[in-house]
Amino acid sequence: MLTKLALGMEEQYVQHAGSIIAACHKELSKRITCGVTTLEIERFTERFMLERGAFPAYKGRKGYPFAIYASVNGMLRGGFPGTAPLSSGDMVKIEMIAGVDGGAAEFAWTYAIGEPSPLARKLLRTAQHTLNRGIAEARVGKSAGDIIVAIHTSAAKSGCLVMNSMPDIAVHGILQRLQQGEMRPVEQPEELLAEGMILTIDLIVGLGALAGDAASVEPGLATAHVKHTVAVTRSGPIVLTR
């Protein structure tokens, strides 16, 4: 079942965490350029969160030593920050969780380094549009399955595919204790969404086909990872990390 958070303080904590992530993303969009390393991005992100009263919830989870995941080019997700400088034409996927007291927000984005190729531009546009189509379905009375169908349909119209194709990967219900970095997937995609639910809508879009079950794909296969934290309200979805 999806987790329904009590309205009140917990929701406010999630909103606060989301606003910190949104501000961090704005800064990263300026700072992620040629010559920057993903380790430098990680250090900036951790400092940014801590200075604003949040903490990077990935750090320390199951012994993980970093504040973010940073995956470059063909790696789908889960990459460790490193010291190799980013070059023009690279695409780097940054994934983070900001925790604030009793709540947290999740976010992922793909940043193009330098001048992206026409193919990369198409992929980034498709990923963002596909995420927005999924978010639009996060309404009272809709279901997690509606979000998943919208995501796959939108990607297919652009000649792309959703790499994390299992339904229980595409939409997560955030637990009340996300400061431990814990979450669980939707167990029943047909379950109706209710007011007060807070979701992360998470997708990886690619061009071509997966190389078996590997986390990295064949050379030249571009991917884009995007994720937002969304509140389900009577007036429609509210993106808390934008």
C-alpha atoms as a PDB file:
ATOM      1  CA  MET A   1       0.000   0.000   0.000  1.00  0.00           C
ATOM      2  CA  LEU A   2       1.065   3.577  -0.532  1.00  0.00           C
ATOM      3  CA  THR A   3       1.922   5.570   2.555  1.00  0.00           C
ATOM      4  CA  LYS A   4      -0.457   8.378   3.464  1.00  0.00           C
ATOM      5  CA  LEU A   5       1.278  11.017   5.564  1.00  0.00           C
ATOM      6  CA  ALA A   6      -0.665  12.874   8.219  1.00  0.00           C
ATOM      7  CA  LEU A   7      -1.265  16.465   7.233  1.00  0.00           C
ATOM      8  CA  GLY A   8       0.491  18.921   9.509  1.00  0.00           C
ATOM      9  CA  MET A   9       4.072  18.949  10.744  1.00  0.00           C
ATOM     10  CA  GLU A  10       5.298  15.957   8.732  1.00  0.00           C
ATOM     11  CA  GLU A  11       3.984  17.440   5.493  1.00  0.00           C
ATOM     12  CA  GLN A  12       5.647  20.741   6.365  1.00  0.00           C
ATOM     13  CA  TYR A  13       8.962  18.954   6.876  1.00  0.00           C
ATOM     14  CA  VAL A  14       8.662  17.327   3.446  1.00  0.00           C
ATOM     15  CA  GLN A  15       7.824  20.696   1.880  1.00  0.00           C
ATOM     16  CA  HIS A  16      10.836  22.274   3.574  1.00  0.00           C
ATOM     17  CA  ALA A  17      13.129  19.484   2.393  1.00  0.00           C
ATOM     18  CA  GLY A  18      11.745  19.850  -1.126  1.00  0.00           C
ATOM     19  CA  SER A  19      12.373  23.595  -1.176  1.00  0.00           C
ATOM     20  CA  ILE A  20      16.009  23.029  -0.176  1.00  0.00           C
ATOM     21  CA  ILE A  21      16.432  20.506  -2.989  1.00  0.00           C
ATOM     22  CA  ALA A  22      14.846  22.907  -5.495  1.00  0.00           C
ATOM     23  CA  ALA A  23      17.294  25.641  -4.479  1.00  0.00           C
ATOM     24  CA  CYS A  24      20.204  23.200  -4.650  1.00  0.00           C
ATOM     25  CA  HIS A  25      19.180  22.113  -8.160  1.00  0.00           C
ATOM     26  CA  LYS A  26      19.131  25.745  -9.265  1.00  0.00           C
ATOM     27  CA  GLU A  27      22.704  26.176  -8.036  1.00  0.00           C
ATOM     28  CA  LEU A  28      23.890  22.886  -9.509  1.00  0.00           C
ATOM     29  CA  SER A  29      22.522  23.906 -12.908  1.00  0.00           C
ATOM     30  CA  LYS A  30      25.040  26.770 -12.853  1.00  0.00           C
ATOM     31  CA  ARG A  31      27.956  24.867 -11.327  1.00  0.00           C
ATOM     32  CA  ILE A  32      27.941  21.604 -13.281  1.00  0.00           C
ATOM     33  CA  THR A  33      30.238  22.535 -16.164  1.00  0.00           C
ATOM     34  CA  CYS A  34      33.289  21.230 -17.996  1.00  0.00           C
ATOM     35  CA  GLY A  35      36.149  20.414 -15.641  1.00  0.00           C
ATOM     36  CA  VAL A  36      34.027  19.915 -12.527  1.00  0.00           C
ATOM     37  CA  THR A  37      34.229  16.510 -10.840  1.00  0.00           C
ATOM     38  CA  THR A  38      31.290  14.600  -9.411  1.00  0.00           C
ATOM     39  CA  LEU A  39      33.108  14.535  -6.052  1.00  0.00           C
ATOM     40  CA  GLU A  40      33.098  18.349  -6.065  1.00  0.00           C
ATOM     41  CA  ILE A  41      29.370  18.245  -6.847  1.00  0.00           C
ATOM     42  CA  GLU A  42      28.870  15.873  -3.912  1.00  0.00           C
ATOM     43  CA  ARG A  43      30.742  18.113  -1.487  1.00  0.00           C
ATOM     44  CA  PHE A  44      28.833  21.191  -2.616  1.00  0.00           C
ATOM     45  CA  THR A  45      25.475  19.408  -2.277  1.00  0.00           C
ATOM     46  CA  GLU A  46      26.208  18.180   1.242  1.00  0.00           C
ATOM     47  CA  ARG A  47      27.385  21.610   2.376  1.00  0.00           C
ATOM     48  CA  PHE A  48      24.355  23.272   0.755  1.00  0.00           C
ATOM     49  CA  MET A  49      21.937  21.002   2.631  1.00  0.00           C
ATOM     50  CA  LEU A  50      23.680  21.254   5.997  1.00  0.00           C
ATOM     51  CA  GLU A  51      23.866  25.048   5.854  1.00  0.00           C
ATOM     52  CA  ARG A  52      20.074  25.151   5.420  1.00  0.00           C
ATOM     53  CA  GLY A  53      19.173  22.771   8.198  1.00  0.00           C
ATOM     54  CA  ALA A  54      18.753  19.611   6.117  1.00  0.00           C
ATOM     55  CA  PHE A  55      20.919  16.510   5.923  1.00  0.00           C
ATOM     56  CA  PRO A  56      21.817  14.215   2.994  1.00  0.00           C
ATOM     57  CA  ALA A  57      19.848  11.064   3.812  1.00  0.00           C
ATOM     58  CA  TYR A  58      21.828   8.826   1.443  1.00  0.00           C
ATOM     59  CA  LYS A  59      25.002   9.378   3.459  1.00  0.00           C
ATOM     60  CA  GLY A  60      25.461   6.618   5.998  1.00  0.00           C
ATOM     61  CA  ARG A  61      22.645   4.499   4.617  1.00  0.00           C
ATOM     62  CA  LYS A  62      23.965   0.924   4.652  1.00  0.00           C
ATOM     63  CA  GLY A  63      27.445   2.393   5.000  1.00  0.00           C
ATOM     64  CA  TYR A  64      27.238   4.579   1.880  1.00  0.00           C
ATOM     65  CA  PRO A  65      29.853   7.359   2.292  1.00  0.00           C
ATOM     66  CA  PHE A  66      28.470  10.068  -0.014  1.00  0.00           C
ATOM     67  CA  ALA A  67      25.651  12.619  -0.016  1.00  0.00           C
ATOM     68  CA  ILE A  68      24.555  11.875  -3.591  1.00  0.00           C
ATOM     69  CA  TYR A  69      24.741   9.285  -6.340  1.00  0.00           C
ATOM     70  CA  ALA A  70      26.421  10.511  -9.524  1.00  0.00           C
ATOM     71  CA  SER A  71      26.187   8.427 -12.705  1.00  0.00           C
ATOM     72  CA  VAL A  72      27.913   9.536 -15.895  1.00  0.00           C
ATOM     73  CA  ASN A  73      26.828   8.710 -19.457  1.00  0.00           C
ATOM     74  CA  GLY A  74      25.964   5.001 -19.883  1.00  0.00           C
ATOM     75  CA  MET A  75      25.553   4.181 -16.189  1.00  0.00           C
ATOM     76  CA  LEU A  76      21.845   4.074 -15.356  1.00  0.00           C
ATOM     77  CA  ARG A  77      22.030   5.050 -11.677  1.00  0.00           C
ATOM     78  CA  GLY A  78      23.839   4.391  -8.415  1.00  0.00           C
ATOM     79  CA  GLY A  79      27.255   5.714  -9.446  1.00  0.00           C
ATOM     80  CA  PHE A  80      29.736   6.859  -6.787  1.00  0.00           C
ATOM     81  CA  PRO A  81      31.124  10.415  -6.988  1.00  0.00           C
ATOM     82  CA  GLY A  82      34.682  10.481  -8.316  1.00  0.00           C
ATOM     83  CA  THR A  83      37.608  12.683  -9.284  1.00  0.00           C
ATOM     84  CA  ALA A  84      37.416  12.466 -13.093  1.00  0.00           C
ATOM     85  CA  PRO A  85      36.607  15.890 -14.615  1.00  0.00           C
ATOM     86  CA  LEU A  86      33.418  16.122 -16.642  1.00  0.00           C
ATOM     87  CA  SER A  87      33.866  16.904 -20.338  1.00  0.00           C
ATOM     88  CA  SER A  88      31.730  18.578 -22.977  1.00  0.00           C
ATOM     89  CA  GLY A  89      29.171  16.102 -24.267  1.00  0.00           C
ATOM     90  CA  ASP A  90      28.943  14.184 -20.988  1.00  0.00           C
ATOM     91  CA  MET A  91      25.623  13.650 -19.245  1.00  0.00           C
ATOM     92  CA  VAL A  92      25.665  13.289 -15.464  1.00  0.00           C
ATOM     93  CA  LYS A  93      22.753  11.982 -13.407  1.00  0.00           C
ATOM     94  CA  ILE A  94      22.597  13.315  -9.834  1.00  0.00           C
ATOM     95  CA  GLU A  95      20.299  11.680  -7.270  1.00  0.00           C
ATOM     96  CA  MET A  96      19.739  12.935  -3.719  1.00  0.00           C
ATOM     97  CA  ILE A  97      17.516  12.841  -0.640  1.00  0.00           C
ATOM     98  CA  ALA A  98      17.252  15.809   1.740  1.00  0.00           C
ATOM     99  CA  GLY A  99      16.025  15.033   5.247  1.00  0.00           C
ATOM    100  CA  VAL A 100      14.474  17.576   7.601  1.00  0.00           C
ATOM    101  CA  ASP A 101      13.399  16.354  11.047  1.00  0.00           C
ATOM    102  CA  GLY A 102      10.376  14.107  10.454  1.00  0.00           C
ATOM    103  CA  GLY A 103      10.281  14.245   6.653  1.00  0.00           C
ATOM    104  CA  ALA A 104      12.370  14.112   3.520  1.00  0.00           C
ATOM    105  CA  ALA A 105      12.209  14.708  -0.221  1.00  0.00           C
ATOM    106  CA  GLU A 106      13.831  12.847  -3.111  1.00  0.00           C
ATOM    107  CA  PHE A 107      15.122  14.234  -6.382  1.00  0.00           C
ATOM    108  CA  ALA A 108      17.119  13.225  -9.445  1.00  0.00           C
ATOM    109  CA  TRP A 109      18.112  15.173 -12.526  1.00  0.00           C
ATOM    110  CA  THR A 110      20.293  14.738 -15.593  1.00  0.00           C
ATOM    111  CA  TYR A 111      22.628  17.595 -16.487  1.00  0.00           C
ATOM    112  CA  ALA A 112      24.238  18.038 -19.901  1.00  0.00           C
ATOM    113  CA  ILE A 113      27.853  19.205 -19.876  1.00  0.00           C
ATOM    114  CA  GLY A 114      28.836  21.801 -22.445  1.00  0.00           C
ATOM    115  CA  GLU A 115      26.909  21.706 -25.710  1.00  0.00           C
ATOM    116  CA  PRO A 116      24.644  18.637 -25.817  1.00  0.00           C
ATOM    117  CA  SER A 117      24.207  16.742 -29.064  1.00  0.00           C
ATOM    118  CA  PRO A 118      20.811  16.805 -30.824  1.00  0.00           C
ATOM    119  CA  LEU A 119      20.251  13.262 -29.549  1.00  0.00           C
ATOM    120  CA  ALA A 120      21.016  14.302 -25.975  1.00  0.00           C
ATOM    121  CA  ARG A 121      18.691  17.299 -26.280  1.00  0.00           C
ATOM    122  CA  LYS A 122      15.888  15.029 -27.440  1.00  0.00           C
ATOM    123  CA  LEU A 123      16.510  12.610 -24.594  1.00  0.00           C
ATOM    124  CA  LEU A 124      16.510  15.346 -21.949  1.00  0.00           C
ATOM    125  CA  ARG A 125      13.316  16.881 -23.351  1.00  0.00           C
ATOM    126  CA  THR A 126      11.662  13.468 -23.468  1.00  0.00           C
ATOM    127  CA  ALA A 127      12.648  12.622 -19.888  1.00  0.00           C
ATOM    128  CA  GLN A 128      11.320  15.920 -18.548  1.00  0.00           C
ATOM    129  CA  HIS A 129       8.100  15.740 -20.569  1.00  0.00           C
ATOM    130  CA  THR A 130       7.557  12.115 -19.559  1.00  0.00           C
ATOM    131  CA  LEU A 131       8.037  12.969 -15.882  1.00  0.00           C
ATOM    132  CA  ASN A 132       5.539  15.818 -16.204  1.00  0.00           C
ATOM    133  CA  ARG A 133       3.003  13.464 -17.796  1.00  0.00           C
ATOM    134  CA  GLY A 134       3.384  11.122 -14.843  1.00  0.00           C
ATOM    135  CA  ILE A 135       3.055  13.971 -12.354  1.00  0.00           C
ATOM    136  CA  ALA A 136      -0.156  15.129 -14.050  1.00  0.00           C
ATOM    137  CA  GLU A 137      -1.751  11.772 -13.164  1.00  0.00           C
ATOM    138  CA  ALA A 138      -0.943  12.098  -9.437  1.00  0.00           C
ATOM    139  CA  ARG A 139      -4.480  13.152  -8.532  1.00  0.00           C
ATOM    140  CA  VAL A 140      -7.075  12.094  -6.006  1.00  0.00           C
ATOM    141  CA  GLY A 141      -8.988   9.131  -7.448  1.00  0.00           C
ATOM    142  CA  LYS A 142      -6.251   8.179  -9.909  1.00  0.00           C
ATOM    143  CA  SER A 143      -3.978   5.210  -9.275  1.00  0.00           C
ATOM    144  CA  ALA A 144      -0.273   4.458  -9.303  1.00  0.00           C
ATOM    145  CA  GLY A 145      -1.008   2.406 -12.406  1.00  0.00           C
ATOM    146  CA  ASP A 146      -2.332   5.513 -14.171  1.00  0.00           C
ATOM    147  CA  ILE A 147       0.986   7.239 -13.490  1.00  0.00           C
ATOM    148  CA  ILE A 148       2.953   4.271 -14.804  1.00  0.00           C
ATOM    149  CA  VAL A 149       0.881   4.020 -18.004  1.00  0.00           C
ATOM    150  CA  ALA A 150       1.270   7.764 -18.653  1.00  0.00           C
ATOM    151  CA  ILE A 151       5.042   7.512 -18.215  1.00  0.00           C
ATOM    152  CA  HIS A 152       5.489   4.594 -20.605  1.00  0.00           C
ATOM    153  CA  THR A 153       3.079   6.005 -23.196  1.00  0.00           C
ATOM    154  CA  SER A 154       4.768   9.401 -23.233  1.00  0.00           C
ATOM    155  CA  ALA A 155       8.254   7.920 -23.614  1.00  0.00           C
ATOM    156  CA  ALA A 156       7.150   5.589 -26.416  1.00  0.00           C
ATOM    157  CA  LYS A 157       5.671   8.476 -28.422  1.00  0.00           C
ATOM    158  CA  SER A 158       9.153   9.990 -28.582  1.00  0.00           C
ATOM    159  CA  GLY A 159      10.812   6.738 -29.595  1.00  0.00           C
ATOM    160  CA  CYS A 160      12.261   6.156 -26.131  1.00  0.00           C
ATOM    161  CA  LEU A 161      11.779   3.532 -23.459  1.00  0.00           C
ATOM    162  CA  VAL A 162      11.589   3.620 -19.682  1.00  0.00           C
ATOM    163  CA  MET A 163      14.580   1.654 -18.419  1.00  0.00           C
ATOM    164  CA  ASN A 164      13.241   1.012 -14.923  1.00  0.00           C
ATOM    165  CA  SER A 165      10.335  -0.759 -16.531  1.00  0.00           C
ATOM    166  CA  MET A 166       8.977  -2.658 -13.537  1.00  0.00           C
ATOM    167  CA  PRO A 167       5.859  -0.882 -12.255  1.00  0.00           C
ATOM    168  CA  ASP A 168       7.018  -0.981  -8.646  1.00  0.00           C
ATOM    169  CA  ILE A 169      10.103   1.042  -9.556  1.00  0.00           C
ATOM    170  CA  ALA A 170       8.300   3.878 -11.290  1.00  0.00           C
ATOM    171  CA  VAL A 171       6.361   5.216  -8.295  1.00  0.00           C
ATOM    172  CA  HIS A 172       7.343   5.043  -4.633  1.00  0.00           C
ATOM    173  CA  GLY A 173       5.388   5.933  -1.504  1.00  0.00           C
ATOM    174  CA  ILE A 174       7.598   7.868   0.897  1.00  0.00           C
ATOM    175  CA  LEU A 175       7.672   6.521   4.435  1.00  0.00           C
ATOM    176  CA  GLN A 176       7.293   8.786   7.435  1.00  0.00           C
ATOM    177  CA  ARG A 177      10.879   7.996   8.512  1.00  0.00           C
ATOM    178  CA  LEU A 178      12.777   8.889   5.354  1.00  0.00           C
ATOM    179  CA  GLN A 179      15.618  10.321   7.409  1.00  0.00           C
ATOM    180  CA  GLN A 180      16.900   6.741   7.421  1.00  0.00           C
ATOM    181  CA  GLY A 181      16.686   6.769   3.626  1.00  0.00           C
ATOM    182  CA  GLU A 182      14.056   4.038   3.676  1.00  0.00           C
ATOM    183  CA  MET A 183      11.279   3.738   1.127  1.00  0.00           C
ATOM    184  CA  ARG A 184       9.142   0.994  -0.259  1.00  0.00           C
ATOM    185  CA  PRO A 185       7.607   0.537  -3.702  1.00  0.00           C
ATOM    186  CA  VAL A 186       3.965   0.573  -4.585  1.00  0.00           C
ATOM    187  CA  GLU A 187       2.605  -2.909  -3.890  1.00  0.00           C
ATOM    188  CA  GLN A 188      -0.772  -2.486  -5.599  1.00  0.00           C
ATOM    189  CA  PRO A 189      -0.609  -0.277  -8.720  1.00  0.00           C
ATOM    190  CA  GLU A 190      -4.426  -0.269  -8.894  1.00  0.00           C
ATOM    191  CA  GLU A 191      -4.790   1.341  -5.458  1.00  0.00           C
ATOM    192  CA  LEU A 192      -6.415   4.771  -5.689  1.00  0.00           C
ATOM    193  CA  LEU A 193      -4.438   7.818  -4.650  1.00  0.00           C
ATOM    194  CA  ALA A 194      -5.811   9.810  -1.728  1.00  0.00           C
ATOM    195  CA  GLU A 195      -5.381  13.367  -0.527  1.00  0.00           C
ATOM    196  CA  GLY A 196      -2.267  13.711   1.612  1.00  0.00           C
ATOM    197  CA  MET A 197      -0.226  10.999  -0.091  1.00  0.00           C
ATOM    198  CA  ILE A 198       3.310  11.999  -0.974  1.00  0.00           C
ATOM    199  CA  LEU A 199       5.005  10.141  -3.831  1.00  0.00           C
ATOM    200  CA  THR A 200       8.306  10.115  -5.591  1.00  0.00           C
ATOM    201  CA  ILE A 201       7.877   9.683  -9.327  1.00  0.00           C
ATOM    202  CA  ASP A 202      11.116   8.216 -10.595  1.00  0.00           C
ATOM    203  CA  LEU A 203      12.102   7.223 -14.120  1.00  0.00           C
ATOM    204  CA  ILE A 204      15.074   6.554 -16.348  1.00  0.00           C
ATOM    205  CA  VAL A 205      14.522   7.133 -20.056  1.00  0.00           C
ATOM    206  CA  GLY A 206      16.804   5.782 -22.759  1.00  0.00           C
ATOM    207  CA  LEU A 207      17.259   5.332 -26.473  1.00  0.00           C
ATOM    208  CA  GLY A 208      17.724   1.767 -27.648  1.00  0.00           C
ATOM    209  CA  ALA A 209      17.690  -1.408 -25.569  1.00  0.00           C
ATOM    210  CA  LEU A 210      19.158  -2.552 -22.292  1.00  0.00           C
ATOM    211  CA  ALA A 211      22.340  -4.635 -22.224  1.00  0.00           C
ATOM    212  CA  GLY A 212      20.878  -7.567 -20.332  1.00  0.00           C
ATOM    213  CA  ASP A 213      20.295  -6.867 -16.652  1.00  0.00           C
ATOM    214  CA  ALA A 214      23.385  -4.725 -16.126  1.00  0.00           C
ATOM    215  CA  ALA A 215      23.258  -1.347 -14.396  1.00  0.00           C
ATOM    216  CA  SER A 216      25.381   0.116 -17.192  1.00  0.00           C
ATOM    217  CA  VAL A 217      24.291  -0.130 -20.803  1.00  0.00           C
ATOM    218  CA  GLU A 218      26.132  -0.584 -24.060  1.00  0.00           C
ATOM    219  CA  PRO A 219      28.472   2.243 -25.129  1.00  0.00           C
ATOM    220  CA  GLY A 220      26.642   5.007 -26.937  1.00  0.00           C
ATOM    221  CA  LEU A 221      23.277   4.284 -25.333  1.00  0.00           C
ATOM    222  CA  ALA A 222      22.248   7.550 -23.704  1.00  0.00           C
ATOM    223  CA  THR A 223      20.034   7.654 -20.612  1.00  0.00           C
ATOM    224  CA  ALA A 224      18.396  10.369 -18.530  1.00  0.00           C
ATOM    225  CA  HIS A 225      17.263   9.960 -14.915  1.00  0.00           C
ATOM    226  CA  VAL A 226      14.656  12.332 -13.454  1.00  0.00           C
ATOM    227  CA  LYS A 227      12.675  12.200 -10.221  1.00  0.00           C
ATOM    228  CA  HIS A 228      10.441  14.575  -8.257  1.00  0.00           C
ATOM    229  CA  THR A 229       8.633  14.382  -4.927  1.00  0.00           C
ATOM    230  CA  VAL A 230       4.932  15.098  -5.393  1.00  0.00           C
ATOM    231  CA  ALA A 231       2.044  15.732  -2.994  1.00  0.00           C
ATOM    232  CA  VAL A 232      -1.459  14.550  -3.933  1.00  0.00           C
ATOM    233  CA  THR A 233      -4.018  17.264  -3.129  1.00  0.00           C
ATOM    234  CA  ARG A 234      -7.655  17.984  -3.945  1.00  0.00           C
ATOM    235  CA  SER A 235      -6.582  20.773  -6.280  1.00  0.00           C
ATOM    236  CA  GLY A 236      -4.096  18.573  -8.124  1.00  0.00           C
ATOM    237  CA  PRO A 237      -0.473  17.454  -7.802  1.00  0.00           C
ATOM    238  CA  ILE A 238       2.043  19.751  -6.140  1.00  0.00           C
ATOM    239  CA  VAL A 239       5.702  19.210  -7.012  1.00  0.00           C
ATOM    240  CA  LEU A 240       7.610  19.778  -3.785  1.00  0.00           C
ATOM    241  CA  THR A 241      11.102  19.629  -5.313  1.00  0.00           C
ATOM    242  CA  ARG A 242      10.633  22.150  -8.121  1.00  0.00           C
END
